[in-house]
Amino acid sequence: MTTPRYLIALAFACAALSAAHAADAASNWTDKCAKCHGQDGKGDTKMGRKLSISDMTDAKVQSTFTDEDAFNAMKRGLADNKGKTTMKAIEGLSDEDMKALVPYVRSLKK
């Protein structure tokens, strides 16, 4: 039995959309996150060191938050136990863009 052409076309279209979404997440990381978190996610930037940003490549660090926690941090920002802002909410990205950043952050884990 042969696979119908429309199913093959649909599979290629889905793969292309998935690749474009991944490229958008990488671009959004560079534009919105890398200044503090670093391009590699280690937080070894001037701002990252100042804010004591966690190393997102560390599996132990990543095990301390859920995907929902990551999304909420992007959407609402983070504050310490005294209420001081430790991470501003990401401005200029849709919820979908922020959701796409979550697997990107997960991919930084070594």
PDB file of N, CA and C in Angstrom:
ATOM      1  N   MET A   1       0.840  -1.178   0.000  1.00  0.00           N
ATOM      2  CA  MET A   1       0.000   0.000   0.000  1.00  0.00           C
ATOM      3  C   MET A   1       0.886   1.244   0.000  1.00  0.00           C
ATOM      4  N   THR A   2       0.569   2.197  -0.825  1.00  0.00           N
ATOM      5  CA  THR A   2       1.347   3.435  -0.892  1.00  0.00           C
ATOM      6  C   THR A   2       0.672   4.513  -0.046  1.00  0.00           C
ATOM      7  N   THR A   3       1.484   5.405   0.438  1.00  0.00           N
ATOM      8  CA  THR A   3       0.978   6.503   1.248  1.00  0.00           C
ATOM      9  C   THR A   3       0.406   7.571   0.322  1.00  0.00           C
ATOM     10  N   PRO A   4      -0.806   8.037   0.609  1.00  0.00           N
ATOM     11  CA  PRO A   4      -1.387   9.087  -0.234  1.00  0.00           C
ATOM     12  C   PRO A   4      -0.501  10.333  -0.234  1.00  0.00           C
ATOM     13  N   ARG A   5      -0.450  10.971  -1.379  1.00  0.00           N
ATOM     14  CA  ARG A   5       0.406  12.156  -1.536  1.00  0.00           C
ATOM     15  C   ARG A   5       0.050  13.275  -0.558  1.00  0.00           C
ATOM     16  N   TYR A   6      -1.229  13.420  -0.268  1.00  0.00           N
ATOM     17  CA  TYR A   6      -1.605  14.511   0.643  1.00  0.00           C
ATOM     18  C   TYR A   6      -1.058  14.265   2.055  1.00  0.00           C
ATOM     19  N   LEU A   7      -0.935  13.008   2.465  1.00  0.00           N
ATOM     20  CA  LEU A   7      -0.356  12.728   3.783  1.00  0.00           C
ATOM     21  C   LEU A   7       1.137  13.051   3.806  1.00  0.00           C
ATOM     22  N   ILE A   8       1.811  12.769   2.718  1.00  0.00           N
ATOM     23  CA  ILE A   8       3.233  13.101   2.622  1.00  0.00           C
ATOM     24  C   ILE A   8       3.405  14.619   2.654  1.00  0.00           C
ATOM     25  N   ALA A   9       2.564  15.322   1.900  1.00  0.00           N
ATOM     26  CA  ALA A   9       2.630  16.786   1.876  1.00  0.00           C
ATOM     27  C   ALA A   9       2.329  17.360   3.259  1.00  0.00           C
ATOM     28  N   LEU A  10       1.342  16.780   3.944  1.00  0.00           N
ATOM     29  CA  LEU A  10       1.000  17.234   5.291  1.00  0.00           C
ATOM     30  C   LEU A  10       2.169  17.012   6.252  1.00  0.00           C
ATOM     31  N   ALA A  11       2.828  15.896   6.143  1.00  0.00           N
ATOM     32  CA  ALA A  11       3.979  15.603   7.004  1.00  0.00           C
ATOM     33  C   ALA A  11       5.097  16.612   6.767  1.00  0.00           C
ATOM     34  N   PHE A  12       5.375  16.928   5.511  1.00  0.00           N
ATOM     35  CA  PHE A  12       6.408  17.920   5.206  1.00  0.00           C
ATOM     36  C   PHE A  12       6.012  19.304   5.705  1.00  0.00           C
ATOM     37  N   ALA A  13       4.750  19.658   5.576  1.00  0.00           N
ATOM     38  CA  ALA A  13       4.283  20.961   6.051  1.00  0.00           C
ATOM     39  C   ALA A  13       4.430  21.061   7.570  1.00  0.00           C
ATOM     40  N   CYS A  14       4.074  19.992   8.271  1.00  0.00           N
ATOM     41  CA  CYS A  14       4.217  19.990   9.739  1.00  0.00           C
ATOM     42  C   CYS A  14       5.684  20.089  10.147  1.00  0.00           C
ATOM     43  N   ALA A  15       6.544  19.390   9.447  1.00  0.00           N
ATOM     44  CA  ALA A  15       7.973  19.443   9.752  1.00  0.00           C
ATOM     45  C   ALA A  15       8.518  20.852   9.520  1.00  0.00           C
ATOM     46  N   ALA A  16       8.079  21.488   8.435  1.00  0.00           N
ATOM     47  CA  ALA A  16       8.533  22.848   8.138  1.00  0.00           C
ATOM     48  C   ALA A  16       8.049  23.826   9.198  1.00  0.00           C
ATOM     49  N   LEU A  17       6.794  23.702   9.634  1.00  0.00           N
ATOM     50  CA  LEU A  17       6.266  24.580  10.681  1.00  0.00           C
ATOM     51  C   LEU A  17       7.008  24.364  11.996  1.00  0.00           C
ATOM     52  N   SER A  18       7.293  23.122  12.307  1.00  0.00           N
ATOM     53  CA  SER A  18       8.026  22.814  13.534  1.00  0.00           C
ATOM     54  C   SER A  18       9.428  23.418  13.495  1.00  0.00           C
ATOM     55  N   ALA A  19      10.103  23.306  12.377  1.00  0.00           N
ATOM     56  CA  ALA A  19      11.450  23.881  12.230  1.00  0.00           C
ATOM     57  C   ALA A  19      11.395  25.405  12.325  1.00  0.00           C
ATOM     58  N   ALA A  20      10.380  26.015  11.726  1.00  0.00           N
ATOM     59  CA  ALA A  20      10.241  27.475  11.794  1.00  0.00           C
ATOM     60  C   ALA A  20       9.975  27.915  13.225  1.00  0.00           C
ATOM     61  N   HIS A  21       9.150  27.151  13.953  1.00  0.00           N
ATOM     62  CA  HIS A  21       8.847  27.471  15.345  1.00  0.00           C
ATOM     63  C   HIS A  21      10.110  27.388  16.193  1.00  0.00           C
ATOM     64  N   ALA A  22      10.934  26.379  15.943  1.00  0.00           N
ATOM     65  CA  ALA A  22      12.194  26.229  16.683  1.00  0.00           C
ATOM     66  C   ALA A  22      13.136  27.391  16.369  1.00  0.00           C
ATOM     67  N   ALA A  23      13.171  27.797  15.111  1.00  0.00           N
ATOM     68  CA  ALA A  23      14.024  28.928  14.727  1.00  0.00           C
ATOM     69  C   ALA A  23      13.539  30.209  15.407  1.00  0.00           C
ATOM     70  N   ASP A  24      12.213  30.389  15.488  1.00  0.00           N
ATOM     71  CA  ASP A  24      11.665  31.560  16.166  1.00  0.00           C
ATOM     72  C   ASP A  24      12.046  31.554  17.639  1.00  0.00           C
ATOM     73  N   ALA A  25      11.980  30.398  18.289  1.00  0.00           N
ATOM     74  CA  ALA A  25      12.332  30.305  19.702  1.00  0.00           C
ATOM     75  C   ALA A  25      13.804  30.668  19.908  1.00  0.00           C
ATOM     76  N   ALA A  26      14.671  30.170  19.040  1.00  0.00           N
ATOM     77  CA  ALA A  26      16.094  30.492  19.148  1.00  0.00           C
ATOM     78  C   ALA A  26      16.320  31.982  18.948  1.00  0.00           C
ATOM     79  N   SER A  27      15.632  32.566  18.003  1.00  0.00           N
ATOM     80  CA  SER A  27      15.748  34.002  17.745  1.00  0.00           C
ATOM     81  C   SER A  27      15.209  34.807  18.927  1.00  0.00           C
ATOM     82  N   ASN A  28      14.081  34.369  19.480  1.00  0.00           N
ATOM     83  CA  ASN A  28      13.511  35.056  20.640  1.00  0.00           C
ATOM     84  C   ASN A  28      14.431  34.935  21.850  1.00  0.00           C
ATOM     85  N   TRP A  29      15.076  33.776  22.008  1.00  0.00           N
ATOM     86  CA  TRP A  29      16.043  33.609  23.100  1.00  0.00           C
ATOM     87  C   TRP A  29      17.163  34.647  22.947  1.00  0.00           C
ATOM     88  N   THR A  30      17.695  34.738  21.734  1.00  0.00           N
ATOM     89  CA  THR A  30      18.776  35.680  21.472  1.00  0.00           C
ATOM     90  C   THR A  30      18.327  37.115  21.738  1.00  0.00           C
ATOM     91  N   ASP A  31      17.130  37.453  21.279  1.00  0.00           N
ATOM     92  CA  ASP A  31      16.640  38.828  21.395  1.00  0.00           C
ATOM     93  C   ASP A  31      16.194  39.205  22.807  1.00  0.00           C
ATOM     94  N   LYS A  32      15.599  38.266  23.519  1.00  0.00           N
ATOM     95  CA  LYS A  32      14.942  38.599  24.783  1.00  0.00           C
ATOM     96  C   LYS A  32      15.627  38.047  26.033  1.00  0.00           C
ATOM     97  N   CYS A  33      16.432  36.992  25.903  1.00  0.00           N
ATOM     98  CA  CYS A  33      16.918  36.283  27.086  1.00  0.00           C
ATOM     99  C   CYS A  33      18.441  36.258  27.233  1.00  0.00           C
ATOM    100  N   ALA A  34      19.139  36.244  26.112  1.00  0.00           N
ATOM    101  CA  ALA A  34      20.589  36.005  26.133  1.00  0.00           C
ATOM    102  C   ALA A  34      21.373  37.102  26.846  1.00  0.00           C
ATOM    103  N   LYS A  35      20.851  38.314  26.894  1.00  0.00           N
ATOM    104  CA  LYS A  35      21.584  39.397  27.565  1.00  0.00           C
ATOM    105  C   LYS A  35      21.886  39.019  29.017  1.00  0.00           C
ATOM    106  N   CYS A  36      20.950  38.377  29.667  1.00  0.00           N
ATOM    107  CA  CYS A  36      21.149  37.971  31.058  1.00  0.00           C
ATOM    108  C   CYS A  36      21.564  36.497  31.170  1.00  0.00           C
ATOM    109  N   HIS A  37      20.847  35.639  30.470  1.00  0.00           N
ATOM    110  CA  HIS A  37      21.069  34.195  30.592  1.00  0.00           C
ATOM    111  C   HIS A  37      22.237  33.689  29.757  1.00  0.00           C
ATOM    112  N   GLY A  38      22.712  34.495  28.825  1.00  0.00           N
ATOM    113  CA  GLY A  38      23.781  34.067  27.925  1.00  0.00           C
ATOM    114  C   GLY A  38      23.228  33.258  26.776  1.00  0.00           C
ATOM    115  N   GLN A  39      23.898  33.310  25.648  1.00  0.00           N
ATOM    116  CA  GLN A  39      23.435  32.562  24.482  1.00  0.00           C
ATOM    117  C   GLN A  39      23.366  31.071  24.782  1.00  0.00           C
ATOM    118  N   ASP A  40      24.310  30.591  25.598  1.00  0.00           N
ATOM    119  CA  ASP A  40      24.353  29.162  25.919  1.00  0.00           C
ATOM    120  C   ASP A  40      23.506  28.790  27.126  1.00  0.00           C
ATOM    121  N   GLY A  41      22.934  29.774  27.829  1.00  0.00           N
ATOM    122  CA  GLY A  41      22.070  29.503  28.965  1.00  0.00           C
ATOM    123  C   GLY A  41      22.777  29.376  30.300  1.00  0.00           C
ATOM    124  N   LYS A  42      24.086  29.566  30.318  1.00  0.00           N
ATOM    125  CA  LYS A  42      24.847  29.396  31.557  1.00  0.00           C
ATOM    126  C   LYS A  42      24.746  30.587  32.505  1.00  0.00           C
ATOM    127  N   GLY A  43      24.248  31.713  32.017  1.00  0.00           N
ATOM    128  CA  GLY A  43      24.116  32.898  32.860  1.00  0.00           C
ATOM    129  C   GLY A  43      25.430  33.606  33.111  1.00  0.00           C
ATOM    130  N   ASP A  44      26.439  33.266  32.323  1.00  0.00           N
ATOM    131  CA  ASP A  44      27.766  33.848  32.507  1.00  0.00           C
ATOM    132  C   ASP A  44      27.903  35.120  31.674  1.00  0.00           C
ATOM    133  N   THR A  45      27.081  36.098  32.028  1.00  0.00           N
ATOM    134  CA  THR A  45      27.117  37.413  31.395  1.00  0.00           C
ATOM    135  C   THR A  45      27.278  38.438  32.510  1.00  0.00           C
ATOM    136  N   LYS A  46      27.557  39.662  32.146  1.00  0.00           N
ATOM    137  CA  LYS A  46      27.697  40.708  33.167  1.00  0.00           C
ATOM    138  C   LYS A  46      26.425  40.791  34.007  1.00  0.00           C
ATOM    139  N   MET A  47      25.282  40.845  33.344  1.00  0.00           N
ATOM    140  CA  MET A  47      24.009  40.935  34.062  1.00  0.00           C
ATOM    141  C   MET A  47      23.700  39.626  34.784  1.00  0.00           C
ATOM    142  N   GLY A  48      24.021  38.513  34.170  1.00  0.00           N
ATOM    143  CA  GLY A  48      23.782  37.219  34.800  1.00  0.00           C
ATOM    144  C   GLY A  48      24.549  37.060  36.098  1.00  0.00           C
ATOM    145  N   ARG A  49      25.791  37.481  36.089  1.00  0.00           N
ATOM    146  CA  ARG A  49      26.603  37.414  37.315  1.00  0.00           C
ATOM    147  C   ARG A  49      26.057  38.374  38.375  1.00  0.00           C
ATOM    148  N   LYS A  50      25.652  39.563  37.952  1.00  0.00           N
ATOM    149  CA  LYS A  50      25.112  40.559  38.885  1.00  0.00           C
ATOM    150  C   LYS A  50      23.855  40.023  39.572  1.00  0.00           C
ATOM    151  N   LEU A  51      23.020  39.316  38.816  1.00  0.00           N
ATOM    152  CA  LEU A  51      21.755  38.812  39.348  1.00  0.00           C
ATOM    153  C   LEU A  51      21.853  37.375  39.878  1.00  0.00           C
ATOM    154  N   SER A  52      23.053  36.784  39.818  1.00  0.00           N
ATOM    155  CA  SER A  52      23.257  35.386  40.239  1.00  0.00           C
ATOM    156  C   SER A  52      22.289  34.441  39.531  1.00  0.00           C
ATOM    157  N   ILE A  53      22.206  34.594  38.215  1.00  0.00           N
ATOM    158  CA  ILE A  53      21.298  33.772  37.409  1.00  0.00           C
ATOM    159  C   ILE A  53      21.763  32.323  37.411  1.00  0.00           C
ATOM    160  N   SER A  54      20.808  31.427  37.521  1.00  0.00           N
ATOM    161  CA  SER A  54      21.096  29.991  37.519  1.00  0.00           C
ATOM    162  C   SER A  54      21.533  29.522  36.141  1.00  0.00           C
ATOM    163  N   ASP A  55      22.335  28.480  36.134  1.00  0.00           N
ATOM    164  CA  ASP A  55      22.838  27.869  34.910  1.00  0.00           C
ATOM    165  C   ASP A  55      21.766  26.958  34.315  1.00  0.00           C
ATOM    166  N   MET A  56      21.137  27.401  33.242  1.00  0.00           N
ATOM    167  CA  MET A  56      20.060  26.633  32.617  1.00  0.00           C
ATOM    168  C   MET A  56      20.557  25.382  31.887  1.00  0.00           C
ATOM    169  N   THR A  57      21.868  25.199  31.810  1.00  0.00           N
ATOM    170  CA  THR A  57      22.389  23.971  31.202  1.00  0.00           C
ATOM    171  C   THR A  57      22.501  22.856  32.241  1.00  0.00           C
ATOM    172  N   ASP A  58      22.338  23.195  33.509  1.00  0.00           N
ATOM    173  CA  ASP A  58      22.475  22.254  34.615  1.00  0.00           C
ATOM    174  C   ASP A  58      21.162  21.492  34.831  1.00  0.00           C
ATOM    175  N   ALA A  59      21.213  20.175  34.719  1.00  0.00           N
ATOM    176  CA  ALA A  59      20.017  19.345  34.887  1.00  0.00           C
ATOM    177  C   ALA A  59      19.395  19.535  36.272  1.00  0.00           C
ATOM    178  N   LYS A  60      20.226  19.731  37.291  1.00  0.00           N
ATOM    179  CA  LYS A  60      19.694  19.943  38.644  1.00  0.00           C
ATOM    180  C   LYS A  60      18.885  21.232  38.713  1.00  0.00           C
ATOM    181  N   VAL A  61      19.373  22.280  38.075  1.00  0.00           N
ATOM    182  CA  VAL A  61      18.636  23.545  38.039  1.00  0.00           C
ATOM    183  C   VAL A  61      17.318  23.350  37.314  1.00  0.00           C
ATOM    184  N   GLN A  62      17.362  22.681  36.167  1.00  0.00           N
ATOM    185  CA  GLN A  62      16.140  22.492  35.392  1.00  0.00           C
ATOM    186  C   GLN A  62      15.121  21.611  36.111  1.00  0.00           C
ATOM    187  N   SER A  63      15.585  20.757  37.005  1.00  0.00           N
ATOM    188  CA  SER A  63      14.651  19.895  37.731  1.00  0.00           C
ATOM    189  C   SER A  63      13.884  20.673  38.811  1.00  0.00           C
ATOM    190  N   THR A  64      14.292  21.911  39.075  1.00  0.00           N
ATOM    191  CA  THR A  64      13.642  22.698  40.127  1.00  0.00           C
ATOM    192  C   THR A  64      12.416  23.464  39.633  1.00  0.00           C
ATOM    193  N   PHE A  65      12.126  23.416  38.340  1.00  0.00           N
ATOM    194  CA  PHE A  65      10.951  24.122  37.836  1.00  0.00           C
ATOM    195  C   PHE A  65      10.250  23.300  36.764  1.00  0.00           C
ATOM    196  N   THR A  66       8.944  23.477  36.697  1.00  0.00           N
ATOM    197  CA  THR A  66       8.131  22.810  35.682  1.00  0.00           C
ATOM    198  C   THR A  66       8.072  23.674  34.434  1.00  0.00           C
ATOM    199  N   ASP A  67       7.544  23.105  33.368  1.00  0.00           N
ATOM    200  CA  ASP A  67       7.337  23.894  32.155  1.00  0.00           C
ATOM    201  C   ASP A  67       6.380  25.056  32.436  1.00  0.00           C
ATOM    202  N   GLU A  68       5.374  24.801  33.246  1.00  0.00           N
ATOM    203  CA  GLU A  68       4.422  25.855  33.597  1.00  0.00           C
ATOM    204  C   GLU A  68       5.121  26.958  34.395  1.00  0.00           C
ATOM    205  N   ASP A  69       6.016  26.570  35.314  1.00  0.00           N
ATOM    206  CA  ASP A  69       6.789  27.571  36.065  1.00  0.00           C
ATOM    207  C   ASP A  69       7.609  28.435  35.112  1.00  0.00           C
ATOM    208  N   ALA A  70       8.237  27.797  34.129  1.00  0.00           N
ATOM    209  CA  ALA A  70       9.065  28.536  33.167  1.00  0.00           C
ATOM    210  C   ALA A  70       8.212  29.529  32.380  1.00  0.00           C
ATOM    211  N   PHE A  71       7.060  29.066  31.898  1.00  0.00           N
ATOM    212  CA  PHE A  71       6.157  29.954  31.162  1.00  0.00           C
ATOM    213  C   PHE A  71       5.724  31.124  32.046  1.00  0.00           C
ATOM    214  N   ASN A  72       5.325  30.826  33.279  1.00  0.00           N
ATOM    215  CA  ASN A  72       4.861  31.887  34.179  1.00  0.00           C
ATOM    216  C   ASN A  72       5.966  32.882  34.501  1.00  0.00           C
ATOM    217  N   ALA A  73       7.194  32.414  34.619  1.00  0.00           N
ATOM    218  CA  ALA A  73       8.321  33.325  34.856  1.00  0.00           C
ATOM    219  C   ALA A  73       8.482  34.272  33.679  1.00  0.00           C
ATOM    220  N   MET A  74       8.346  33.744  32.468  1.00  0.00           N
ATOM    221  CA  MET A  74       8.451  34.592  31.278  1.00  0.00           C
ATOM    222  C   MET A  74       7.285  35.575  31.213  1.00  0.00           C
ATOM    223  N   LYS A  75       6.103  35.092  31.519  1.00  0.00           N
ATOM    224  CA  LYS A  75       4.877  35.885  31.392  1.00  0.00           C
ATOM    225  C   LYS A  75       4.767  36.958  32.480  1.00  0.00           C
ATOM    226  N   ARG A  76       5.110  36.580  33.725  1.00  0.00           N
ATOM    227  CA  ARG A  76       4.879  37.472  34.865  1.00  0.00           C
ATOM    228  C   ARG A  76       6.149  38.015  35.503  1.00  0.00           C
ATOM    229  N   GLY A  77       7.283  37.412  35.183  1.00  0.00           N
ATOM    230  CA  GLY A  77       8.526  37.783  35.828  1.00  0.00           C
ATOM    231  C   GLY A  77       8.693  37.027  37.141  1.00  0.00           C
ATOM    232  N   LEU A  78       9.785  37.288  37.824  1.00  0.00           N
ATOM    233  CA  LEU A  78      10.083  36.636  39.097  1.00  0.00           C
ATOM    234  C   LEU A  78      10.483  37.683  40.124  1.00  0.00           C
ATOM    235  N   ALA A  79      10.221  37.378  41.379  1.00  0.00           N
ATOM    236  CA  ALA A  79      10.636  38.243  42.484  1.00  0.00           C
ATOM    237  C   ALA A  79      11.194  37.367  43.595  1.00  0.00           C
ATOM    238  N   ASP A  80      12.099  37.931  44.379  1.00  0.00           N
ATOM    239  CA  ASP A  80      12.642  37.184  45.517  1.00  0.00           C
ATOM    240  C   ASP A  80      11.636  37.220  46.668  1.00  0.00           C
ATOM    241  N   ASN A  81      11.994  36.613  47.789  1.00  0.00           N
ATOM    242  CA  ASN A  81      11.053  36.532  48.915  1.00  0.00           C
ATOM    243  C   ASN A  81      10.788  37.885  49.581  1.00  0.00           C
ATOM    244  N   LYS A  82      11.543  38.896  49.204  1.00  0.00           N
ATOM    245  CA  LYS A  82      11.303  40.258  49.718  1.00  0.00           C
ATOM    246  C   LYS A  82      10.509  41.099  48.725  1.00  0.00           C
ATOM    247  N   GLY A  83      10.140  40.486  47.589  1.00  0.00           N
ATOM    248  CA  GLY A  83       9.361  41.195  46.584  1.00  0.00           C
ATOM    249  C   GLY A  83      10.185  41.935  45.550  1.00  0.00           C
ATOM    250  N   LYS A  84      11.511  41.846  45.650  1.00  0.00           N
ATOM    251  CA  LYS A  84      12.372  42.518  44.675  1.00  0.00           C
ATOM    252  C   LYS A  84      12.369  41.731  43.357  1.00  0.00           C
ATOM    253  N   THR A  85      12.159  42.434  42.265  1.00  0.00           N
ATOM    254  CA  THR A  85      12.138  41.796  40.949  1.00  0.00           C
ATOM    255  C   THR A  85      13.508  41.214  40.632  1.00  0.00           C
ATOM    256  N   THR A  86      13.525  39.925  40.312  1.00  0.00           N
ATOM    257  CA  THR A  86      14.768  39.270  39.923  1.00  0.00           C
ATOM    258  C   THR A  86      14.779  38.936  38.435  1.00  0.00           C
ATOM    259  N   MET A  87      13.610  38.941  37.829  1.00  0.00           N
ATOM    260  CA  MET A  87      13.495  38.765  36.377  1.00  0.00           C
ATOM    261  C   MET A  87      12.235  39.481  35.932  1.00  0.00           C
ATOM    262  N   LYS A  88      12.405  40.393  34.996  1.00  0.00           N
ATOM    263  CA  LYS A  88      11.251  41.087  34.441  1.00  0.00           C
ATOM    264  C   LYS A  88      10.497  40.155  33.506  1.00  0.00           C
ATOM    265  N   ALA A  89       9.198  40.390  33.387  1.00  0.00           N
ATOM    266  CA  ALA A  89       8.395  39.654  32.404  1.00  0.00           C
ATOM    267  C   ALA A  89       8.913  40.002  31.015  1.00  0.00           C
ATOM    268  N   ILE A  90       8.822  39.056  30.115  1.00  0.00           N
ATOM    269  CA  ILE A  90       9.247  39.303  28.734  1.00  0.00           C
ATOM    270  C   ILE A  90       8.178  40.132  28.043  1.00  0.00           C
ATOM    271  N   GLU A  91       8.578  41.228  27.491  1.00  0.00           N
ATOM    272  CA  GLU A  91       7.648  42.090  26.759  1.00  0.00           C
ATOM    273  C   GLU A  91       7.796  41.861  25.260  1.00  0.00           C
ATOM    274  N   GLY A  92       6.703  41.994  24.566  1.00  0.00           N
ATOM    275  CA  GLY A  92       6.744  41.932  23.110  1.00  0.00           C
ATOM    276  C   GLY A  92       6.648  40.533  22.524  1.00  0.00           C
ATOM    277  N   LEU A  93       6.362  39.525  23.356  1.00  0.00           N
ATOM    278  CA  LEU A  93       6.167  38.168  22.846  1.00  0.00           C
ATOM    279  C   LEU A  93       4.760  37.696  23.199  1.00  0.00           C
ATOM    280  N   SER A  94       4.175  36.953  22.294  1.00  0.00           N
ATOM    281  CA  SER A  94       2.859  36.368  22.554  1.00  0.00           C
ATOM    282  C   SER A  94       3.007  35.183  23.504  1.00  0.00           C
ATOM    283  N   ASP A  95       1.891  34.742  24.039  1.00  0.00           N
ATOM    284  CA  ASP A  95       1.912  33.542  24.879  1.00  0.00           C
ATOM    285  C   ASP A  95       2.463  32.348  24.094  1.00  0.00           C
ATOM    286  N   GLU A  96       2.105  32.265  22.820  1.00  0.00           N
ATOM    287  CA  GLU A  96       2.596  31.158  21.995  1.00  0.00           C
ATOM    288  C   GLU A  96       4.115  31.207  21.848  1.00  0.00           C
ATOM    289  N   ASP A  97       4.647  32.409  21.660  1.00  0.00           N
ATOM    290  CA  ASP A  97       6.103  32.551  21.569  1.00  0.00           C
ATOM    291  C   ASP A  97       6.780  32.142  22.874  1.00  0.00           C
ATOM    292  N   MET A  98       6.166  32.526  23.995  1.00  0.00           N
ATOM    293  CA  MET A  98       6.737  32.147  25.292  1.00  0.00           C
ATOM    294  C   MET A  98       6.642  30.640  25.511  1.00  0.00           C
ATOM    295  N   LYS A  99       5.528  30.052  25.109  1.00  0.00           N
ATOM    296  CA  LYS A  99       5.381  28.591  25.223  1.00  0.00           C
ATOM    297  C   LYS A  99       6.436  27.888  24.382  1.00  0.00           C
ATOM    298  N   ALA A 100       6.754  28.451  23.223  1.00  0.00           N
ATOM    299  CA  ALA A 100       7.778  27.860  22.357  1.00  0.00           C
ATOM    300  C   ALA A 100       9.171  27.989  22.964  1.00  0.00           C
ATOM    301  N   LEU A 101       9.372  28.972  23.818  1.00  0.00           N
ATOM    302  CA  LEU A 101      10.667  29.131  24.477  1.00  0.00           C
ATOM    303  C   LEU A 101      10.922  28.053  25.531  1.00  0.00           C
ATOM    304  N   VAL A 102       9.864  27.491  26.103  1.00  0.00           N
ATOM    305  CA  VAL A 102      10.036  26.486  27.159  1.00  0.00           C
ATOM    306  C   VAL A 102      10.835  25.285  26.656  1.00  0.00           C
ATOM    307  N   PRO A 103      10.459  24.635  25.545  1.00  0.00           N
ATOM    308  CA  PRO A 103      11.284  23.520  25.070  1.00  0.00           C
ATOM    309  C   PRO A 103      12.686  23.965  24.647  1.00  0.00           C
ATOM    310  N   TYR A 104      12.808  25.211  24.219  1.00  0.00           N
ATOM    311  CA  TYR A 104      14.136  25.727  23.890  1.00  0.00           C
ATOM    312  C   TYR A 104      15.004  25.763  25.148  1.00  0.00           C
ATOM    313  N   VAL A 105      14.441  26.272  26.243  1.00  0.00           N
ATOM    314  CA  VAL A 105      15.176  26.298  27.509  1.00  0.00           C
ATOM    315  C   VAL A 105      15.533  24.868  27.922  1.00  0.00           C
ATOM    316  N   ARG A 106      14.598  23.961  27.782  1.00  0.00           N
ATOM    317  CA  ARG A 106      14.853  22.558  28.132  1.00  0.00           C
ATOM    318  C   ARG A 106      15.987  21.981  27.280  1.00  0.00           C
ATOM    319  N   SER A 107      16.091  22.433  26.041  1.00  0.00           N
ATOM    320  CA  SER A 107      17.133  21.902  25.138  1.00  0.00           C
ATOM    321  C   SER A 107      18.532  22.368  25.535  1.00  0.00           C
ATOM    322  N   LEU A 108      18.621  23.366  26.396  1.00  0.00           N
ATOM    323  CA  LEU A 108      19.920  23.861  26.843  1.00  0.00           C
ATOM    324  C   LEU A 108      20.574  22.912  27.851  1.00  0.00           C
ATOM    325  N   LYS A 109      19.757  22.054  28.450  1.00  0.00           N
ATOM    326  CA  LYS A 109      20.238  21.136  29.487  1.00  0.00           C
ATOM    327  C   LYS A 109      21.278  20.178  28.908  1.00  0.00           C
ATOM    328  N   LYS A 110      22.370  20.041  29.598  1.00  0.00           N
ATOM    329  CA  LYS A 110      23.457  19.140  29.153  1.00  0.00           C
ATOM    330  C   LYS A 110      23.315  17.786  29.794  1.00  0.00           C
TER     331      LYS A 110
END
